[in-house]
C-alpha cells in the first residue's frame, strides 16, 4: 500500500482512506493492529501522519469524519 498517496489524497482532497489508515488517524491502536497486514511499517506511517496531517484531521474518529465530511 502506498501510504504517501493515501496521506496526500486525505489531506489535499479529503478522500476517505482505507480502514487501516482511518484507525491510525483516529489513534485506534487495537484497530490499527487488527487491520494491519504487517506492523513493521507502523512507526514510519505514524511519523508521516504526525508530520503531514493537520492536527484537526487526526486524533479521533470524530476528527477524521469531520475532515472528510467538510469537503470544499
PDB file of N, CA and C in Angstrom:
ATOM      1  N   UNK A   1       0.846  -1.183   0.000  1.00  0.00           N
ATOM      2  CA  UNK A   1       0.000   0.000   0.000  1.00  0.00           C
ATOM      3  C   UNK A   1       0.889   1.244   0.000  1.00  0.00           C
ATOM      4  N   UNK A   2       0.571   2.187  -0.843  1.00  0.00           N
ATOM      5  CA  UNK A   2       1.356   3.413  -0.953  1.00  0.00           C
ATOM      6  C   UNK A   2       0.816   4.456   0.026  1.00  0.00           C
ATOM      7  N   UNK A   3       1.483   4.563   1.174  1.00  0.00           N
ATOM      8  CA  UNK A   3       0.992   5.441   2.228  1.00  0.00           C
ATOM      9  C   UNK A   3       1.140   6.913   1.881  1.00  0.00           C
ATOM     10  N   UNK A   4       2.132   7.261   1.076  1.00  0.00           N
ATOM     11  CA  UNK A   4       2.303   8.667   0.709  1.00  0.00           C
ATOM     12  C   UNK A   4       1.104   9.182  -0.074  1.00  0.00           C
ATOM     13  N   UNK A   5       0.627   8.393  -1.032  1.00  0.00           N
ATOM     14  CA  UNK A   5      -0.528   8.839  -1.821  1.00  0.00           C
ATOM     15  C   UNK A   5      -1.803   8.857  -0.979  1.00  0.00           C
ATOM     16  N   UNK A   6      -1.905   7.957  -0.020  1.00  0.00           N
ATOM     17  CA  UNK A   6      -3.069   7.963   0.877  1.00  0.00           C
ATOM     18  C   UNK A   6      -3.080   9.250   1.692  1.00  0.00           C
ATOM     19  N   UNK A   7      -1.925   9.632   2.232  1.00  0.00           N
ATOM     20  CA  UNK A   7      -1.829  10.866   3.018  1.00  0.00           C
ATOM     21  C   UNK A   7      -2.155  12.073   2.143  1.00  0.00           C
ATOM     22  N   UNK A   8      -1.589  12.126   0.944  1.00  0.00           N
ATOM     23  CA  UNK A   8      -1.849  13.255   0.043  1.00  0.00           C
ATOM     24  C   UNK A   8      -3.332  13.347  -0.299  1.00  0.00           C
ATOM     25  N   UNK A   9      -3.946  12.227  -0.650  1.00  0.00           N
ATOM     26  CA  UNK A   9      -5.372  12.238  -1.003  1.00  0.00           C
ATOM     27  C   UNK A   9      -6.245  12.627   0.190  1.00  0.00           C
ATOM     28  N   UNK A  10      -5.859  12.202   1.372  1.00  0.00           N
ATOM     29  CA  UNK A  10      -6.624  12.538   2.572  1.00  0.00           C
ATOM     30  C   UNK A  10      -6.497  14.026   2.901  1.00  0.00           C
ATOM     31  N   UNK A  11      -5.265  14.539   2.910  1.00  0.00           N
ATOM     32  CA  UNK A  11      -5.033  15.927   3.309  1.00  0.00           C
ATOM     33  C   UNK A  11      -5.506  16.913   2.242  1.00  0.00           C
ATOM     34  N   UNK A  12      -5.105  16.704   1.004  1.00  0.00           N
ATOM     35  CA  UNK A  12      -5.417  17.675  -0.055  1.00  0.00           C
ATOM     36  C   UNK A  12      -6.839  17.561  -0.588  1.00  0.00           C
ATOM     37  N   UNK A  13      -7.315  16.330  -0.747  1.00  0.00           N
ATOM     38  CA  UNK A  13      -8.604  16.118  -1.406  1.00  0.00           C
ATOM     39  C   UNK A  13      -9.694  15.608  -0.458  1.00  0.00           C
ATOM     40  N   UNK A  14      -9.297  15.385   0.800  1.00  0.00           N
ATOM     41  CA  UNK A  14     -10.222  14.918   1.843  1.00  0.00           C
ATOM     42  C   UNK A  14     -10.946  13.640   1.430  1.00  0.00           C
ATOM     43  N   UNK A  15     -10.197  12.753   0.779  1.00  0.00           N
ATOM     44  CA  UNK A  15     -10.746  11.460   0.374  1.00  0.00           C
ATOM     45  C   UNK A  15     -10.643  10.476   1.526  1.00  0.00           C
ATOM     46  N   UNK A  16     -11.664   9.631   1.647  1.00  0.00           N
ATOM     47  CA  UNK A  16     -11.690   8.635   2.708  1.00  0.00           C
ATOM     48  C   UNK A  16     -10.579   7.606   2.478  1.00  0.00           C
ATOM     49  N   UNK A  17      -9.692   7.433   3.468  1.00  0.00           N
ATOM     50  CA  UNK A  17      -8.622   6.445   3.336  1.00  0.00           C
ATOM     51  C   UNK A  17      -9.126   5.034   3.686  1.00  0.00           C
ATOM     52  N   UNK A  18      -8.311   4.012   3.439  1.00  0.00           N
ATOM     53  CA  UNK A  18      -8.676   2.654   3.830  1.00  0.00           C
ATOM     54  C   UNK A  18      -8.876   2.550   5.348  1.00  0.00           C
ATOM     55  N   UNK A  19      -9.606   1.530   5.776  1.00  0.00           N
ATOM     56  CA  UNK A  19      -9.924   1.363   7.205  1.00  0.00           C
ATOM     57  C   UNK A  19      -8.687   1.341   8.092  1.00  0.00           C
ATOM     58  N   UNK A  20      -7.638   0.660   7.663  1.00  0.00           N
ATOM     59  CA  UNK A  20      -6.422   0.607   8.474  1.00  0.00           C
ATOM     60  C   UNK A  20      -5.883   2.015   8.710  1.00  0.00           C
ATOM     61  N   UNK A  21      -5.921   2.832   7.696  1.00  0.00           N
ATOM     62  CA  UNK A  21      -5.392   4.190   7.821  1.00  0.00           C
ATOM     63  C   UNK A  21      -6.308   5.052   8.681  1.00  0.00           C
ATOM     64  N   UNK A  22      -7.605   4.842   8.586  1.00  0.00           N
ATOM     65  CA  UNK A  22      -8.540   5.562   9.470  1.00  0.00           C
ATOM     66  C   UNK A  22      -8.230   5.224  10.926  1.00  0.00           C
ATOM     67  N   UNK A  23      -7.948   3.957  11.205  1.00  0.00           N
ATOM     68  CA  UNK A  23      -7.605   3.555  12.573  1.00  0.00           C
ATOM     69  C   UNK A  23      -6.348   4.280  13.045  1.00  0.00           C
ATOM     70  N   UNK A  24      -5.369   4.415  12.173  1.00  0.00           N
ATOM     71  CA  UNK A  24      -4.141   5.138  12.534  1.00  0.00           C
ATOM     72  C   UNK A  24      -4.461   6.602  12.819  1.00  0.00           C
ATOM     73  N   UNK A  25      -5.222   7.230  11.927  1.00  0.00           N
ATOM     74  CA  UNK A  25      -5.580   8.640  12.102  1.00  0.00           C
ATOM     75  C   UNK A  25      -6.382   8.876  13.372  1.00  0.00           C
ATOM     76  N   UNK A  26      -7.220   7.904  13.734  1.00  0.00           N
ATOM     77  CA  UNK A  26      -8.098   8.053  14.893  1.00  0.00           C
ATOM     78  C   UNK A  26      -7.438   7.621  16.203  1.00  0.00           C
ATOM     79  N   UNK A  27      -6.139   7.294  16.153  1.00  0.00           N
ATOM     80  CA  UNK A  27      -5.424   6.815  17.340  1.00  0.00           C
ATOM     81  C   UNK A  27      -6.045   5.552  17.922  1.00  0.00           C
ATOM     82  N   UNK A  28      -6.552   4.694  17.053  1.00  0.00           N
ATOM     83  CA  UNK A  28      -7.164   3.433  17.454  1.00  0.00           C
ATOM     84  C   UNK A  28      -6.112   2.331  17.354  1.00  0.00           C
ATOM     85  N   UNK A  29      -5.379   2.110  18.424  1.00  0.00           N
ATOM     86  CA  UNK A  29      -4.285   1.141  18.417  1.00  0.00           C
ATOM     87  C   UNK A  29      -4.789  -0.264  18.115  1.00  0.00           C
ATOM     88  N   UNK A  30      -5.855  -0.669  18.767  1.00  0.00           N
ATOM     89  CA  UNK A  30      -6.402  -2.010  18.541  1.00  0.00           C
ATOM     90  C   UNK A  30      -6.810  -2.190  17.085  1.00  0.00           C
ATOM     91  N   UNK A  31      -7.544  -1.250  16.548  1.00  0.00           N
ATOM     92  CA  UNK A  31      -7.966  -1.324  15.155  1.00  0.00           C
ATOM     93  C   UNK A  31      -6.796  -1.315  14.194  1.00  0.00           C
ATOM     94  N   UNK A  32      -5.792  -0.508  14.493  1.00  0.00           N
ATOM     95  CA  UNK A  32      -4.613  -0.434  13.643  1.00  0.00           C
ATOM     96  C   UNK A  32      -3.928  -1.789  13.551  1.00  0.00           C
ATOM     97  N   UNK A  33      -3.708  -2.408  14.701  1.00  0.00           N
ATOM     98  CA  UNK A  33      -3.015  -3.704  14.723  1.00  0.00           C
ATOM     99  C   UNK A  33      -3.877  -4.789  14.086  1.00  0.00           C
ATOM    100  N   UNK A  34      -5.166  -4.797  14.378  1.00  0.00           N
ATOM    101  CA  UNK A  34      -6.050  -5.833  13.839  1.00  0.00           C
ATOM    102  C   UNK A  34      -6.205  -5.716  12.323  1.00  0.00           C
ATOM    103  N   UNK A  35      -6.198  -4.514  11.782  1.00  0.00           N
ATOM    104  CA  UNK A  35      -6.396  -4.307  10.351  1.00  0.00           C
ATOM    105  C   UNK A  35      -5.092  -4.307   9.554  1.00  0.00           C
ATOM    106  N   UNK A  36      -3.954  -4.285  10.240  1.00  0.00           N
ATOM    107  CA  UNK A  36      -2.671  -4.211   9.556  1.00  0.00           C
ATOM    108  C   UNK A  36      -2.253  -5.564   9.004  1.00  0.00           C
ATOM    109  N   UNK A  37      -1.735  -5.527   7.791  1.00  0.00           N
ATOM    110  CA  UNK A  37      -1.154  -6.732   7.211  1.00  0.00           C
ATOM    111  C   UNK A  37       0.186  -7.006   7.882  1.00  0.00           C
ATOM    112  N   UNK A  38       0.885  -5.951   8.218  1.00  0.00           N
ATOM    113  CA  UNK A  38       2.182  -6.050   8.871  1.00  0.00           C
ATOM    114  C   UNK A  38       2.337  -4.841   9.785  1.00  0.00           C
ATOM    115  N   UNK A  39       2.871  -5.063  10.962  1.00  0.00           N
ATOM    116  CA  UNK A  39       3.084  -3.942  11.872  1.00  0.00           C
ATOM    117  C   UNK A  39       4.471  -3.335  11.704  1.00  0.00           C
ATOM    118  N   UNK A  40       5.245  -3.868  10.777  1.00  0.00           N
ATOM    119  CA  UNK A  40       6.619  -3.414  10.579  1.00  0.00           C
ATOM    120  C   UNK A  40       6.742  -1.965  10.146  1.00  0.00           C
ATOM    121  N   UNK A  41       5.770  -1.462   9.400  1.00  0.00           N
ATOM    122  CA  UNK A  41       5.853  -0.090   8.893  1.00  0.00           C
ATOM    123  C   UNK A  41       5.084   0.917   9.743  1.00  0.00           C
ATOM    124  N   UNK A  42       4.467   0.491  10.802  1.00  0.00           N
ATOM    125  CA  UNK A  42       3.609   1.389  11.572  1.00  0.00           C
ATOM    126  C   UNK A  42       4.343   2.611  12.104  1.00  0.00           C
ATOM    127  N   UNK A  43       5.546   2.437  12.613  1.00  0.00           N
ATOM    128  CA  UNK A  43       6.294   3.583  13.154  1.00  0.00           C
ATOM    129  C   UNK A  43       6.500   4.638  12.066  1.00  0.00           C
ATOM    130  N   UNK A  44       6.909   4.207  10.881  1.00  0.00           N
ATOM    131  CA  UNK A  44       7.132   5.139   9.775  1.00  0.00           C
ATOM    132  C   UNK A  44       5.834   5.821   9.358  1.00  0.00           C
ATOM    133  N   UNK A  45       4.755   5.066   9.282  1.00  0.00           N
ATOM    134  CA  UNK A  45       3.458   5.627   8.886  1.00  0.00           C
ATOM    135  C   UNK A  45       2.998   6.653   9.906  1.00  0.00           C
ATOM    136  N   UNK A  46       3.094   6.326  11.177  1.00  0.00           N
ATOM    137  CA  UNK A  46       2.659   7.235  12.238  1.00  0.00           C
ATOM    138  C   UNK A  46       3.500   8.513  12.234  1.00  0.00           C
ATOM    139  N   UNK A  47       4.792   8.383  11.996  1.00  0.00           N
ATOM    140  CA  UNK A  47       5.646   9.569  11.916  1.00  0.00           C
ATOM    141  C   UNK A  47       5.224  10.467  10.748  1.00  0.00           C
ATOM    142  N   UNK A  48       4.886   9.868   9.609  1.00  0.00           N
ATOM    143  CA  UNK A  48       4.420  10.657   8.461  1.00  0.00           C
ATOM    144  C   UNK A  48       3.090  11.332   8.751  1.00  0.00           C
ATOM    145  N   UNK A  49       2.203  10.617   9.411  1.00  0.00           N
ATOM    146  CA  UNK A  49       0.907  11.209   9.767  1.00  0.00           C
ATOM    147  C   UNK A  49       1.129  12.417  10.662  1.00  0.00           C
ATOM    148  N   UNK A  50       1.964  12.277  11.684  1.00  0.00           N
ATOM    149  CA  UNK A  50       2.217  13.388  12.593  1.00  0.00           C
ATOM    150  C   UNK A  50       2.866  14.567  11.883  1.00  0.00           C
ATOM    151  N   UNK A  51       3.676  14.287  10.868  1.00  0.00           N
ATOM    152  CA  UNK A  51       4.389  15.350  10.161  1.00  0.00           C
ATOM    153  C   UNK A  51       3.523  16.046   9.112  1.00  0.00           C
ATOM    154  N   UNK A  52       2.681  15.289   8.406  1.00  0.00           N
ATOM    155  CA  UNK A  52       1.991  15.839   7.238  1.00  0.00           C
ATOM    156  C   UNK A  52       0.484  16.040   7.383  1.00  0.00           C
ATOM    157  N   UNK A  53      -0.139  15.405   8.362  1.00  0.00           N
ATOM    158  CA  UNK A  53      -1.591  15.533   8.509  1.00  0.00           C
ATOM    159  C   UNK A  53      -1.885  16.594   9.571  1.00  0.00           C
ATOM    160  N   UNK A  54      -2.688  17.602   9.233  1.00  0.00           N
ATOM    161  CA  UNK A  54      -3.009  18.655  10.207  1.00  0.00           C
ATOM    162  C   UNK A  54      -3.633  18.059  11.480  1.00  0.00           C
ATOM    163  N   UNK A  55      -3.357  18.676  12.603  1.00  0.00           N
ATOM    164  CA  UNK A  55      -3.850  18.137  13.873  1.00  0.00           C
ATOM    165  C   UNK A  55      -5.372  18.068  13.928  1.00  0.00           C
ATOM    166  N   UNK A  56      -6.051  18.974  13.225  1.00  0.00           N
ATOM    167  CA  UNK A  56      -7.519  18.928  13.236  1.00  0.00           C
ATOM    168  C   UNK A  56      -8.080  17.786  12.387  1.00  0.00           C
ATOM    169  N   UNK A  57      -7.207  17.087  11.651  1.00  0.00           N
ATOM    170  CA  UNK A  57      -7.638  15.990  10.782  1.00  0.00           C
ATOM    171  C   UNK A  57      -7.255  14.626  11.340  1.00  0.00           C
ATOM    172  N   UNK A  58      -6.820  14.582  12.588  1.00  0.00           N
ATOM    173  CA  UNK A  58      -6.407  13.320  13.204  1.00  0.00           C
ATOM    174  C   UNK A  58      -6.635  13.376  14.710  1.00  0.00           C
ATOM    175  N   UNK A  59      -6.523  12.215  15.343  1.00  0.00           N
ATOM    176  CA  UNK A  59      -6.614  12.163  16.798  1.00  0.00           C
ATOM    177  C   UNK A  59      -7.832  11.442  17.327  1.00  0.00           C
ATOM    178  N   UNK A  60      -8.909  11.431  16.535  1.00  0.00           N
ATOM    179  CA  UNK A  60     -10.128  10.714  16.927  1.00  0.00           C
ATOM    180  C   UNK A  60     -10.929  10.399  15.677  1.00  0.00           C
ATOM    181  N   UNK A  61     -11.848   9.464  15.798  1.00  0.00           N
ATOM    182  CA  UNK A  61     -12.702   9.141  14.655  1.00  0.00           C
ATOM    183  C   UNK A  61     -13.568  10.347  14.302  1.00  0.00           C
ATOM    184  N   UNK A  62     -13.952  11.125  15.286  1.00  0.00           N
ATOM    185  CA  UNK A  62     -14.741  12.332  15.036  1.00  0.00           C
ATOM    186  C   UNK A  62     -13.954  13.320  14.164  1.00  0.00           C
ATOM    187  N   UNK A  63     -12.677  13.535  14.495  1.00  0.00           N
ATOM    188  CA  UNK A  63     -11.846  14.453  13.722  1.00  0.00           C
ATOM    189  C   UNK A  63     -11.688  13.970  12.281  1.00  0.00           C
ATOM    190  N   UNK A  64     -11.508  12.669  12.108  1.00  0.00           N
ATOM    191  CA  UNK A  64     -11.366  12.101  10.768  1.00  0.00           C
ATOM    192  C   UNK A  64     -12.650  12.307   9.973  1.00  0.00           C
ATOM    193  N   UNK A  65     -13.792  11.971  10.573  1.00  0.00           N
ATOM    194  CA  UNK A  65     -15.074  12.124   9.877  1.00  0.00           C
ATOM    195  C   UNK A  65     -15.379  13.581   9.577  1.00  0.00           C
ATOM    196  N   UNK A  66     -15.045  14.481  10.486  1.00  0.00           N
ATOM    197  CA  UNK A  66     -15.245  15.906  10.247  1.00  0.00           C
ATOM    198  C   UNK A  66     -14.400  16.373   9.062  1.00  0.00           C
ATOM    199  N   UNK A  67     -13.161  15.902   8.989  1.00  0.00           N
ATOM    200  CA  UNK A  67     -12.250  16.289   7.913  1.00  0.00           C
ATOM    201  C   UNK A  67     -12.793  15.802   6.567  1.00  0.00           C
ATOM    202  N   UNK A  68     -13.203  14.567   6.520  1.00  0.00           N
ATOM    203  CA  UNK A  68     -13.722  14.002   5.275  1.00  0.00           C
ATOM    204  C   UNK A  68     -15.041  14.658   4.900  1.00  0.00           C
ATOM    205  N   UNK A  69     -15.865  14.916   5.879  1.00  0.00           N
ATOM    206  CA  UNK A  69     -17.204  15.456   5.631  1.00  0.00           C
ATOM    207  C   UNK A  69     -17.238  16.919   5.288  1.00  0.00           C
ATOM    208  N   UNK A  70     -16.167  17.633   5.535  1.00  0.00           N
ATOM    209  CA  UNK A  70     -16.183  19.075   5.277  1.00  0.00           C
ATOM    210  C   UNK A  70     -15.441  19.405   3.995  1.00  0.00           C
ATOM    211  N   UNK A  71     -15.766  18.677   2.931  1.00  0.00           N
ATOM    212  CA  UNK A  71     -15.136  18.927   1.622  1.00  0.00           C
ATOM    213  C   UNK A  71     -15.499  20.312   1.133  1.00  0.00           C
ATOM    214  N   UNK A  72     -14.563  20.927   0.480  1.00  0.00           N
ATOM    215  CA  UNK A  72     -14.766  22.276  -0.049  1.00  0.00           C
ATOM    216  C   UNK A  72     -15.391  22.185  -1.424  1.00  0.00           C
TER     217      UNK A  72
END
